Amino acid sequence: MTINLTGINYHNYINLKGDSNLIPKPSYKLKQLKTYIVKNYLIPLYSDQWQIINNNKLLIDETINKINLYIKLYKLEELTLFLELLKIIKILIDKNDLLTDLEDKTKNVYDKNNVINMVYKTTKIRILPEYEIYNSILGKPTKTKPYNDTIINDIKKLMVQPNITYDKINKCICDKFNI
């Protein structure tokens, strides 16, 4: 406790080494998260490896949530840079998906006279990432065969693990349920 000339008491959190005990030091998990982002999003984007980005696009929201948690915990300015980069990558993924869908649709849709084609852009409807991963591994469910809740719960648990990728989730689910 320190008293200054104004008479207001305040806590001095700086120790004799000059370090502040108030803000915890970044852990190895922060370094691990940064390398995960660089390895699975930034390098593939720079080297035009869209297959890696498309495999990990379902995990980008979980990565953004981790960064937000670390921003609140460590208050590091460089984390906001990673957050903004992931937001930009998310927008680029959506644009790339839109363009590939548009190219696929325009190849298959022709007018009788080949006079005019019209494409209307709408917003993309998204389902939760765990359901999208389920659909990509097992296919879309039908009325007779609905979603398996145990597989969905396992996918949710796997999504939270550090350094998880789509390929690792796919392998774990296929191995566990003999798919």
Protein backbone atom coordinates (compact mmCIF):
# COMPACT_ATOMS: atom_id res chain seq x y z
CA MET A 1 0.00 0.00 0.00
CA THR A 2 1.37 3.38 -0.99
CA ILE A 3 0.13 6.83 0.02
CA ASN A 4 0.83 9.75 -2.30
CA LEU A 5 0.64 13.49 -1.64
CA THR A 6 -3.03 13.69 -2.59
CA GLY A 7 -3.88 11.30 0.25
CA ILE A 8 -5.24 8.60 -2.08
CA ASN A 9 -4.09 5.09 -1.20
CA TYR A 10 -3.24 2.71 -4.00
CA HIS A 11 -1.58 -0.67 -4.38
CA ASN A 12 1.88 -0.84 -5.86
CA TYR A 13 2.13 -4.12 -7.74
CA ILE A 14 5.74 -3.68 -8.87
CA ASN A 15 8.23 -5.84 -6.99
CA LEU A 16 11.93 -5.14 -6.34
CA LYS A 17 12.95 -6.59 -9.72
CA GLY A 18 10.72 -4.08 -11.50
CA ASP A 19 8.27 -6.75 -12.63
CA SER A 20 4.56 -6.30 -12.23
CA ASN A 21 2.71 -9.09 -10.42
CA LEU A 22 -0.63 -7.84 -11.71
CA ILE A 23 -0.33 -9.08 -15.31
CA PRO A 24 0.61 -12.75 -15.71
CA LYS A 25 3.42 -13.62 -18.10
CA PRO A 26 2.51 -15.29 -21.39
CA SER A 27 2.76 -19.03 -21.33
CA TYR A 28 3.94 -21.58 -23.85
CA LYS A 29 0.30 -22.00 -24.91
CA LEU A 30 0.42 -18.53 -26.43
CA LYS A 31 3.49 -19.41 -28.49
CA GLN A 32 1.82 -22.67 -29.49
CA LEU A 33 -1.29 -20.79 -30.65
CA LYS A 34 0.79 -18.37 -32.73
CA THR A 35 2.65 -21.18 -34.48
CA TYR A 36 -0.67 -22.95 -35.07
CA ILE A 37 -2.09 -19.85 -36.79
CA VAL A 38 1.03 -19.34 -38.90
CA LYS A 39 1.28 -23.01 -39.88
CA ASN A 40 -2.40 -23.65 -40.63
CA TYR A 41 -3.62 -20.30 -41.97
CA LEU A 42 -0.95 -17.77 -42.92
CA ILE A 43 1.61 -19.96 -44.71
CA PRO A 44 -1.04 -21.90 -46.69
CA LEU A 45 -2.70 -18.61 -47.66
CA TYR A 46 0.60 -17.15 -48.82
CA SER A 47 1.57 -20.30 -50.72
CA ASP A 48 -1.93 -20.73 -52.21
CA GLN A 49 -2.60 -24.07 -50.52
CA TRP A 50 -6.38 -23.77 -50.27
CA GLN A 51 -6.83 -27.43 -49.34
CA ILE A 52 -5.15 -26.86 -45.95
CA ILE A 53 -7.14 -23.69 -45.37
CA ASN A 54 -10.42 -25.37 -46.32
CA ASN A 55 -9.68 -28.25 -43.97
CA ASN A 56 -9.12 -25.85 -41.06
CA LYS A 57 -11.76 -23.25 -41.87
CA LEU A 58 -14.22 -24.92 -39.51
CA LEU A 59 -11.82 -24.43 -36.60
CA ILE A 60 -11.18 -20.73 -37.19
CA ASP A 61 -13.96 -19.60 -34.82
CA GLU A 62 -12.49 -21.67 -31.99
CA THR A 63 -9.08 -20.14 -32.68
CA ILE A 64 -10.58 -16.65 -32.59
CA ASN A 65 -12.19 -17.46 -29.22
CA LYS A 66 -8.80 -18.58 -27.85
CA ILE A 67 -7.17 -15.36 -29.04
CA ASN A 68 -9.91 -13.29 -27.40
CA LEU A 69 -9.31 -15.18 -24.14
CA TYR A 70 -5.56 -14.54 -24.34
CA ILE A 71 -6.14 -10.86 -25.15
CA LYS A 72 -8.18 -10.50 -21.96
CA LEU A 73 -5.64 -12.46 -19.94
CA TYR A 74 -2.29 -11.09 -21.19
CA LYS A 75 -3.26 -7.74 -22.72
CA LEU A 76 -0.66 -8.07 -25.49
CA GLU A 77 -0.95 -5.81 -28.52
CA GLU A 78 0.43 -8.43 -30.92
CA LEU A 79 -2.56 -10.68 -30.23
CA THR A 80 -4.91 -8.13 -31.74
CA LEU A 81 -2.84 -8.39 -34.91
CA PHE A 82 -3.40 -12.16 -35.01
CA LEU A 83 -7.11 -11.61 -34.31
CA GLU A 84 -7.45 -9.19 -37.20
CA LEU A 85 -5.49 -11.52 -39.48
CA LEU A 86 -7.85 -14.38 -38.67
CA LYS A 87 -10.86 -12.17 -39.35
CA ILE A 88 -9.40 -11.25 -42.74
CA ILE A 89 -8.66 -14.90 -43.50
CA LYS A 90 -12.24 -15.80 -42.58
CA ILE A 91 -13.52 -13.20 -45.05
CA LEU A 92 -11.13 -14.48 -47.73
CA ILE A 93 -12.32 -18.05 -47.17
CA ASP A 94 -15.93 -16.95 -47.64
CA LYS A 95 -15.02 -15.06 -50.82
CA ASN A 96 -13.11 -18.04 -52.16
CA ASP A 97 -16.04 -20.38 -51.39
CA LEU A 98 -18.39 -17.97 -53.13
CA LEU A 99 -16.20 -17.85 -56.23
CA THR A 100 -15.77 -21.62 -56.43
CA ASP A 101 -19.52 -22.14 -56.00
CA LEU A 102 -20.20 -19.52 -58.65
CA GLU A 103 -17.77 -21.15 -61.07
CA ASP A 104 -19.34 -24.58 -60.49
CA LYS A 105 -22.88 -23.26 -60.98
CA THR A 106 -22.10 -21.28 -64.12
CA LYS A 107 -20.50 -24.32 -65.73
CA ASN A 108 -23.65 -26.39 -65.22
CA VAL A 109 -26.37 -23.81 -65.89
CA TYR A 110 -27.00 -22.86 -69.50
CA ASP A 111 -29.83 -21.22 -71.30
CA LYS A 112 -31.23 -22.90 -74.42
CA ASN A 113 -30.02 -20.12 -76.64
CA ASN A 114 -26.94 -19.28 -74.52
CA VAL A 115 -28.18 -15.71 -74.43
CA ILE A 116 -28.23 -14.87 -70.77
CA ASN A 117 -27.29 -16.32 -67.43
CA MET A 118 -28.16 -14.65 -64.18
CA VAL A 119 -26.62 -15.36 -60.81
CA TYR A 120 -27.95 -13.86 -57.60
CA LYS A 121 -25.69 -13.52 -54.57
CA THR A 122 -27.20 -14.30 -51.17
CA THR A 123 -25.69 -14.68 -47.75
CA LYS A 124 -24.36 -18.08 -46.89
CA ILE A 125 -26.23 -20.05 -44.27
CA ARG A 126 -23.87 -21.68 -41.81
CA ILE A 127 -24.42 -24.44 -39.33
CA LEU A 128 -22.29 -25.03 -36.26
CA PRO A 129 -18.73 -26.16 -37.05
CA GLU A 130 -19.14 -29.51 -35.33
CA TYR A 131 -22.10 -30.32 -37.58
CA GLU A 132 -20.18 -29.22 -40.69
CA ILE A 133 -17.29 -31.48 -39.69
CA TYR A 134 -19.77 -34.32 -39.08
CA ASN A 135 -21.26 -33.73 -42.55
CA SER A 136 -17.86 -33.74 -44.20
CA ILE A 137 -16.79 -36.97 -42.47
CA LEU A 138 -20.02 -38.99 -42.48
CA GLY A 139 -22.18 -37.15 -44.99
CA LYS A 140 -25.42 -35.30 -44.39
CA PRO A 141 -27.90 -37.19 -42.23
CA THR A 142 -31.30 -38.26 -43.47
CA LYS A 143 -34.66 -38.58 -41.72
CA THR A 144 -34.05 -42.26 -41.14
CA LYS A 145 -30.46 -41.75 -39.95
CA PRO A 146 -30.18 -38.50 -37.91
CA TYR A 147 -27.07 -36.98 -36.34
CA ASN A 148 -25.27 -39.21 -33.84
CA ASP A 149 -24.98 -37.14 -30.64
CA THR A 150 -21.97 -39.06 -29.32
CA ILE A 151 -20.00 -38.28 -32.47
CA ILE A 152 -21.05 -34.61 -32.28
CA ASN A 153 -19.90 -34.44 -28.63
CA ASP A 154 -16.59 -36.09 -29.51
CA ILE A 155 -16.06 -33.56 -32.31
CA LYS A 156 -16.79 -30.70 -29.87
CA LYS A 157 -14.22 -32.09 -27.43
CA LEU A 158 -11.62 -32.50 -30.17
CA MET A 159 -12.18 -28.97 -31.49
CA VAL A 160 -11.10 -27.45 -28.17
CA GLN A 161 -7.79 -29.30 -28.02
CA PRO A 162 -4.66 -27.31 -28.88
CA ASN A 163 -3.10 -27.71 -32.34
CA ILE A 164 -6.08 -29.67 -33.64
CA THR A 165 -6.68 -29.79 -37.36
CA TYR A 166 -9.44 -31.21 -39.51
CA ASP A 167 -7.26 -34.16 -40.50
CA LYS A 168 -6.64 -35.08 -36.86
CA ILE A 169 -10.37 -34.85 -36.06
CA ASN A 170 -11.21 -36.95 -39.11
CA LYS A 171 -8.67 -39.62 -38.12
CA CYS A 172 -9.83 -39.74 -34.47
CA ILE A 173 -13.51 -40.04 -35.38
CA CYS A 174 -12.88 -42.66 -38.07
CA ASP A 175 -10.67 -44.70 -35.75
CA LYS A 176 -13.02 -44.49 -32.78
CA PHE A 177 -16.24 -45.32 -34.64
CA ASN A 178 -14.71 -47.65 -37.30
CA ILE A 179 -15.79 -45.53 -40.23
